[in-house]
Amino acid sequence: MTNIRSPKYAAGHPNRPHDCEEVMELAFKDLINSAVASGWREAEVAIAIADLAEEHVIALARKGE
């Protein structure tokens, strides 16, 4: 599994979202590859991740984050 490094920028810095996306992309690709190697189709994995991400965003919005 990919180690996720700490942010390079403080919260609120304009480069922080891009930095986060770069870090998450590595972990995301690792997750996809691991699931495909376990027998899942890439499309199934992508849809499942998208659904989970949407549910998480909705939960964060309900919390007021």
PDB file of N, CA and C in Angstrom:
ATOM      1  N   MET A   1       0.842  -1.169   0.000  1.00  0.00           N
ATOM      2  CA  MET A   1       0.000   0.000   0.000  1.00  0.00           C
ATOM      3  C   MET A   1       0.896   1.244   0.000  1.00  0.00           C
ATOM      4  N   THR A   2       0.445   2.266  -0.669  1.00  0.00           N
ATOM      5  CA  THR A   2       1.187   3.514  -0.787  1.00  0.00           C
ATOM      6  C   THR A   2       1.185   4.270   0.540  1.00  0.00           C
ATOM      7  N   ASN A   3       2.360   4.758   0.931  1.00  0.00           N
ATOM      8  CA  ASN A   3       2.418   5.658   2.077  1.00  0.00           C
ATOM      9  C   ASN A   3       1.986   7.035   1.611  1.00  0.00           C
ATOM     10  N   ILE A   4       1.131   7.658   2.367  1.00  0.00           N
ATOM     11  CA  ILE A   4       0.629   8.983   2.011  1.00  0.00           C
ATOM     12  C   ILE A   4       1.438  10.008   2.795  1.00  0.00           C
ATOM     13  N   ARG A   5       2.141  10.857   2.050  1.00  0.00           N
ATOM     14  CA  ARG A   5       2.993  11.854   2.709  1.00  0.00           C
ATOM     15  C   ARG A   5       2.147  13.010   3.247  1.00  0.00           C
ATOM     16  N   SER A   6       2.734  13.732   4.149  1.00  0.00           N
ATOM     17  CA  SER A   6       2.081  14.897   4.738  1.00  0.00           C
ATOM     18  C   SER A   6       2.008  16.039   3.723  1.00  0.00           C
ATOM     19  N   PRO A   7       1.097  16.976   3.944  1.00  0.00           N
ATOM     20  CA  PRO A   7       0.991  18.123   3.033  1.00  0.00           C
ATOM     21  C   PRO A   7       2.257  18.969   3.034  1.00  0.00           C
ATOM     22  N   LYS A   8       2.551  19.548   1.867  1.00  0.00           N
ATOM     23  CA  LYS A   8       3.673  20.478   1.753  1.00  0.00           C
ATOM     24  C   LYS A   8       3.266  21.883   2.184  1.00  0.00           C
ATOM     25  N   TYR A   9       1.975  22.177   2.134  1.00  0.00           N
ATOM     26  CA  TYR A   9       1.480  23.539   2.354  1.00  0.00           C
ATOM     27  C   TYR A   9       0.497  23.574   3.520  1.00  0.00           C
ATOM     28  N   ALA A  10       0.415  24.704   4.145  1.00  0.00           N
ATOM     29  CA  ALA A  10      -0.522  24.906   5.246  1.00  0.00           C
ATOM     30  C   ALA A  10      -1.950  24.976   4.707  1.00  0.00           C
ATOM     31  N   ALA A  11      -2.905  24.678   5.574  1.00  0.00           N
ATOM     32  CA  ALA A  11      -4.320  24.777   5.201  1.00  0.00           C
ATOM     33  C   ALA A  11      -4.604  26.183   4.689  1.00  0.00           C
ATOM     34  N   GLY A  12      -5.356  26.256   3.600  1.00  0.00           N
ATOM     35  CA  GLY A  12      -5.699  27.542   3.017  1.00  0.00           C
ATOM     36  C   GLY A  12      -4.750  28.003   1.923  1.00  0.00           C
ATOM     37  N   HIS A  13      -3.600  27.384   1.808  1.00  0.00           N
ATOM     38  CA  HIS A  13      -2.644  27.766   0.752  1.00  0.00           C
ATOM     39  C   HIS A  13      -3.222  27.360  -0.594  1.00  0.00           C
ATOM     40  N   PRO A  14      -3.085  28.197  -1.619  1.00  0.00           N
ATOM     41  CA  PRO A  14      -3.698  27.891  -2.915  1.00  0.00           C
ATOM     42  C   PRO A  14      -3.149  26.635  -3.604  1.00  0.00           C
ATOM     43  N   ASN A  15      -1.952  26.190  -3.251  1.00  0.00           N
ATOM     44  CA  ASN A  15      -1.377  24.988  -3.868  1.00  0.00           C
ATOM     45  C   ASN A  15      -1.744  23.696  -3.143  1.00  0.00           C
ATOM     46  N   ARG A  16      -2.353  23.826  -1.984  1.00  0.00           N
ATOM     47  CA  ARG A  16      -2.657  22.634  -1.182  1.00  0.00           C
ATOM     48  C   ARG A  16      -3.600  21.651  -1.886  1.00  0.00           C
ATOM     49  N   PRO A  17      -4.688  22.096  -2.529  1.00  0.00           N
ATOM     50  CA  PRO A  17      -5.555  21.124  -3.207  1.00  0.00           C
ATOM     51  C   PRO A  17      -4.832  20.322  -4.298  1.00  0.00           C
ATOM     52  N   HIS A  18      -3.993  20.983  -5.064  1.00  0.00           N
ATOM     53  CA  HIS A  18      -3.237  20.288  -6.114  1.00  0.00           C
ATOM     54  C   HIS A  18      -2.252  19.296  -5.494  1.00  0.00           C
ATOM     55  N   ASP A  19      -1.610  19.696  -4.427  1.00  0.00           N
ATOM     56  CA  ASP A  19      -0.675  18.819  -3.715  1.00  0.00           C
ATOM     57  C   ASP A  19      -1.404  17.578  -3.212  1.00  0.00           C
ATOM     58  N   CYS A  20      -2.580  17.775  -2.650  1.00  0.00           N
ATOM     59  CA  CYS A  20      -3.375  16.655  -2.146  1.00  0.00           C
ATOM     60  C   CYS A  20      -3.755  15.713  -3.285  1.00  0.00           C
ATOM     61  N   GLU A  21      -4.154  16.283  -4.407  1.00  0.00           N
ATOM     62  CA  GLU A  21      -4.546  15.463  -5.551  1.00  0.00           C
ATOM     63  C   GLU A  21      -3.381  14.614  -6.055  1.00  0.00           C
ATOM     64  N   GLU A  22      -2.197  15.183  -6.103  1.00  0.00           N
ATOM     65  CA  GLU A  22      -1.025  14.414  -6.530  1.00  0.00           C
ATOM     66  C   GLU A  22      -0.764  13.235  -5.605  1.00  0.00           C
ATOM     67  N   VAL A  23      -0.859  13.478  -4.311  1.00  0.00           N
ATOM     68  CA  VAL A  23      -0.613  12.426  -3.323  1.00  0.00           C
ATOM     69  C   VAL A  23      -1.696  11.347  -3.416  1.00  0.00           C
ATOM     70  N   MET A  24      -2.949  11.764  -3.531  1.00  0.00           N
ATOM     71  CA  MET A  24      -4.046  10.814  -3.587  1.00  0.00           C
ATOM     72  C   MET A  24      -4.023   9.998  -4.879  1.00  0.00           C
ATOM     73  N   GLU A  25      -3.508  10.574  -5.970  1.00  0.00           N
ATOM     74  CA  GLU A  25      -3.448   9.850  -7.237  1.00  0.00           C
ATOM     75  C   GLU A  25      -2.602   8.593  -7.113  1.00  0.00           C
ATOM     76  N   LEU A  26      -1.491   8.679  -6.411  1.00  0.00           N
ATOM     77  CA  LEU A  26      -0.631   7.503  -6.227  1.00  0.00           C
ATOM     78  C   LEU A  26      -1.353   6.417  -5.442  1.00  0.00           C
ATOM     79  N   ALA A  27      -2.017   6.799  -4.366  1.00  0.00           N
ATOM     80  CA  ALA A  27      -2.754   5.834  -3.547  1.00  0.00           C
ATOM     81  C   ALA A  27      -3.933   5.267  -4.330  1.00  0.00           C
ATOM     82  N   PHE A  28      -4.586   6.108  -5.117  1.00  0.00           N
ATOM     83  CA  PHE A  28      -5.724   5.700  -5.938  1.00  0.00           C
ATOM     84  C   PHE A  28      -5.295   4.643  -6.955  1.00  0.00           C
ATOM     85  N   LYS A  29      -4.201   4.886  -7.653  1.00  0.00           N
ATOM     86  CA  LYS A  29      -3.706   3.924  -8.636  1.00  0.00           C
ATOM     87  C   LYS A  29      -3.323   2.607  -7.971  1.00  0.00           C
ATOM     88  N   ASP A  30      -2.728   2.691  -6.789  1.00  0.00           N
ATOM     89  CA  ASP A  30      -2.381   1.492  -6.026  1.00  0.00           C
ATOM     90  C   ASP A  30      -3.639   0.688  -5.688  1.00  0.00           C
ATOM     91  N   LEU A  31      -4.664   1.379  -5.231  1.00  0.00           N
ATOM     92  CA  LEU A  31      -5.918   0.726  -4.862  1.00  0.00           C
ATOM     93  C   LEU A  31      -6.555   0.050  -6.074  1.00  0.00           C
ATOM     94  N   ILE A  32      -6.608   0.757  -7.194  1.00  0.00           N
ATOM     95  CA  ILE A  32      -7.178   0.197  -8.423  1.00  0.00           C
ATOM     96  C   ILE A  32      -6.395  -1.053  -8.840  1.00  0.00           C
ATOM     97  N   ASN A  33      -5.082  -0.941  -8.890  1.00  0.00           N
ATOM     98  CA  ASN A  33      -4.248  -2.075  -9.317  1.00  0.00           C
ATOM     99  C   ASN A  33      -4.408  -3.273  -8.399  1.00  0.00           C
ATOM    100  N   SER A  34      -4.500  -3.032  -7.118  1.00  0.00           N
ATOM    101  CA  SER A  34      -4.664  -4.117  -6.150  1.00  0.00           C
ATOM    102  C   SER A  34      -6.014  -4.807  -6.329  1.00  0.00           C
ATOM    103  N   ALA A  35      -7.061  -4.029  -6.530  1.00  0.00           N
ATOM    104  CA  ALA A  35      -8.390  -4.603  -6.720  1.00  0.00           C
ATOM    105  C   ALA A  35      -8.466  -5.401  -8.023  1.00  0.00           C
ATOM    106  N   VAL A  36      -7.888  -4.869  -9.094  1.00  0.00           N
ATOM    107  CA  VAL A  36      -7.879  -5.574 -10.382  1.00  0.00           C
ATOM    108  C   VAL A  36      -7.085  -6.873 -10.263  1.00  0.00           C
ATOM    109  N   ALA A  37      -5.965  -6.833  -9.560  1.00  0.00           N
ATOM    110  CA  ALA A  37      -5.161  -8.040  -9.354  1.00  0.00           C
ATOM    111  C   ALA A  37      -5.919  -9.094  -8.549  1.00  0.00           C
ATOM    112  N   SER A  38      -6.887  -8.644  -7.744  1.00  0.00           N
ATOM    113  CA  SER A  38      -7.695  -9.568  -6.945  1.00  0.00           C
ATOM    114  C   SER A  38      -8.880 -10.129  -7.718  1.00  0.00           C
ATOM    115  N   GLY A  39      -9.068  -9.643  -8.953  1.00  0.00           N
ATOM    116  CA  GLY A  39     -10.123 -10.211  -9.781  1.00  0.00           C
ATOM    117  C   GLY A  39     -11.270  -9.283 -10.127  1.00  0.00           C
ATOM    118  N   TRP A  40     -11.275  -8.071  -9.560  1.00  0.00           N
ATOM    119  CA  TRP A  40     -12.324  -7.109  -9.883  1.00  0.00           C
ATOM    120  C   TRP A  40     -12.017  -6.445 -11.210  1.00  0.00           C
ATOM    121  N   ARG A  41     -13.064  -6.106 -11.965  1.00  0.00           N
ATOM    122  CA  ARG A  41     -12.859  -5.363 -13.206  1.00  0.00           C
ATOM    123  C   ARG A  41     -12.625  -3.900 -12.858  1.00  0.00           C
ATOM    124  N   GLU A  42     -11.790  -3.272 -13.648  1.00  0.00           N
ATOM    125  CA  GLU A  42     -11.418  -1.875 -13.373  1.00  0.00           C
ATOM    126  C   GLU A  42     -12.639  -0.963 -13.320  1.00  0.00           C
ATOM    127  N   ALA A  43     -13.597  -1.173 -14.215  1.00  0.00           N
ATOM    128  CA  ALA A  43     -14.808  -0.345 -14.217  1.00  0.00           C
ATOM    129  C   ALA A  43     -15.607  -0.525 -12.923  1.00  0.00           C
ATOM    130  N   GLU A  44     -15.684  -1.759 -12.425  1.00  0.00           N
ATOM    131  CA  GLU A  44     -16.394  -2.012 -11.165  1.00  0.00           C
ATOM    132  C   GLU A  44     -15.738  -1.242 -10.022  1.00  0.00           C
ATOM    133  N   VAL A  45     -14.434  -1.300  -9.995  1.00  0.00           N
ATOM    134  CA  VAL A  45     -13.683  -0.636  -8.930  1.00  0.00           C
ATOM    135  C   VAL A  45     -13.875   0.880  -9.010  1.00  0.00           C
ATOM    136  N   ALA A  46     -13.766   1.426 -10.215  1.00  0.00           N
ATOM    137  CA  ALA A  46     -13.916   2.870 -10.395  1.00  0.00           C
ATOM    138  C   ALA A  46     -15.297   3.341  -9.964  1.00  0.00           C
ATOM    139  N   ILE A  47     -16.325   2.593 -10.324  1.00  0.00           N
ATOM    140  CA  ILE A  47     -17.687   2.970  -9.938  1.00  0.00           C
ATOM    141  C   ILE A  47     -17.861   2.882  -8.428  1.00  0.00           C
ATOM    142  N   ALA A  48     -17.336   1.830  -7.826  1.00  0.00           N
ATOM    143  CA  ALA A  48     -17.443   1.683  -6.373  1.00  0.00           C
ATOM    144  C   ALA A  48     -16.742   2.835  -5.656  1.00  0.00           C
ATOM    145  N   ILE A  49     -15.563   3.195  -6.122  1.00  0.00           N
ATOM    146  CA  ILE A  49     -14.821   4.302  -5.500  1.00  0.00           C
ATOM    147  C   ILE A  49     -15.580   5.606  -5.670  1.00  0.00           C
ATOM    148  N   ALA A  50     -16.119   5.843  -6.858  1.00  0.00           N
ATOM    149  CA  ALA A  50     -16.889   7.068  -7.100  1.00  0.00           C
ATOM    150  C   ALA A  50     -18.106   7.133  -6.184  1.00  0.00           C
ATOM    151  N   ASP A  51     -18.817   6.018  -6.039  1.00  0.00           N
ATOM    152  CA  ASP A  51     -19.987   5.985  -5.156  1.00  0.00           C
ATOM    153  C   ASP A  51     -19.594   6.253  -3.705  1.00  0.00           C
ATOM    154  N   LEU A  52     -18.512   5.619  -3.258  1.00  0.00           N
ATOM    155  CA  LEU A  52     -18.047   5.836  -1.885  1.00  0.00           C
ATOM    156  C   LEU A  52     -17.612   7.282  -1.664  1.00  0.00           C
ATOM    157  N   ALA A  53     -16.930   7.852  -2.650  1.00  0.00           N
ATOM    158  CA  ALA A  53     -16.494   9.241  -2.534  1.00  0.00           C
ATOM    159  C   ALA A  53     -17.695  10.173  -2.440  1.00  0.00           C
ATOM    160  N   GLU A  54     -18.706   9.920  -3.269  1.00  0.00           N
ATOM    161  CA  GLU A  54     -19.910  10.756  -3.230  1.00  0.00           C
ATOM    162  C   GLU A  54     -20.595  10.670  -1.864  1.00  0.00           C
ATOM    163  N   GLU A  55     -20.720   9.462  -1.338  1.00  0.00           N
ATOM    164  CA  GLU A  55     -21.331   9.278  -0.016  1.00  0.00           C
ATOM    165  C   GLU A  55     -20.529  10.004   1.058  1.00  0.00           C
ATOM    166  N   HIS A  56     -19.222   9.974   0.935  1.00  0.00           N
ATOM    167  CA  HIS A  56     -18.368  10.638   1.923  1.00  0.00           C
ATOM    168  C   HIS A  56     -18.528  12.161   1.848  1.00  0.00           C
ATOM    169  N   VAL A  57     -18.578  12.696   0.643  1.00  0.00           N
ATOM    170  CA  VAL A  57     -18.770  14.142   0.468  1.00  0.00           C
ATOM    171  C   VAL A  57     -20.113  14.573   1.054  1.00  0.00           C
ATOM    172  N   ILE A  58     -21.142  13.777   0.814  1.00  0.00           N
ATOM    173  CA  ILE A  58     -22.467  14.092   1.365  1.00  0.00           C
ATOM    174  C   ILE A  58     -22.425  14.073   2.888  1.00  0.00           C
ATOM    175  N   ALA A  59     -21.762  13.073   3.462  1.00  0.00           N
ATOM    176  CA  ALA A  59     -21.640  12.997   4.924  1.00  0.00           C
ATOM    177  C   ALA A  59     -20.884  14.204   5.476  1.00  0.00           C
ATOM    178  N   LEU A  60     -19.821  14.629   4.790  1.00  0.00           N
ATOM    179  CA  LEU A  60     -19.074  15.812   5.229  1.00  0.00           C
ATOM    180  C   LEU A  60     -19.939  17.063   5.157  1.00  0.00           C
ATOM    181  N   ALA A  61     -20.727  17.175   4.104  1.00  0.00           N
ATOM    182  CA  ALA A  61     -21.617  18.332   3.955  1.00  0.00           C
ATOM    183  C   ALA A  61     -22.645  18.371   5.078  1.00  0.00           C
ATOM    184  N   ARG A  62     -23.138  17.220   5.464  1.00  0.00           N
ATOM    185  CA  ARG A  62     -24.109  17.163   6.569  1.00  0.00           C
ATOM    186  C   ARG A  62     -23.486  17.591   7.888  1.00  0.00           C
ATOM    187  N   LYS A  63     -22.205  17.302   8.055  1.00  0.00           N
ATOM    188  CA  LYS A  63     -21.479  17.706   9.264  1.00  0.00           C
ATOM    189  C   LYS A  63     -21.149  19.183   9.255  1.00  0.00           C
ATOM    190  N   GLY A  64     -21.236  19.801   8.073  1.00  0.00           N
ATOM    191  CA  GLY A  64     -20.892  21.199   7.971  1.00  0.00           C
ATOM    192  C   GLY A  64     -19.430  21.447   7.665  1.00  0.00           C
ATOM    193  N   GLU A  65     -18.753  20.436   7.140  1.00  0.00           N
ATOM    194  CA  GLU A  65     -17.322  20.606   6.824  1.00  0.00           C
ATOM    195  C   GLU A  65     -17.147  21.165   5.440  1.00  0.00           C
TER     196      GLU A  65
END
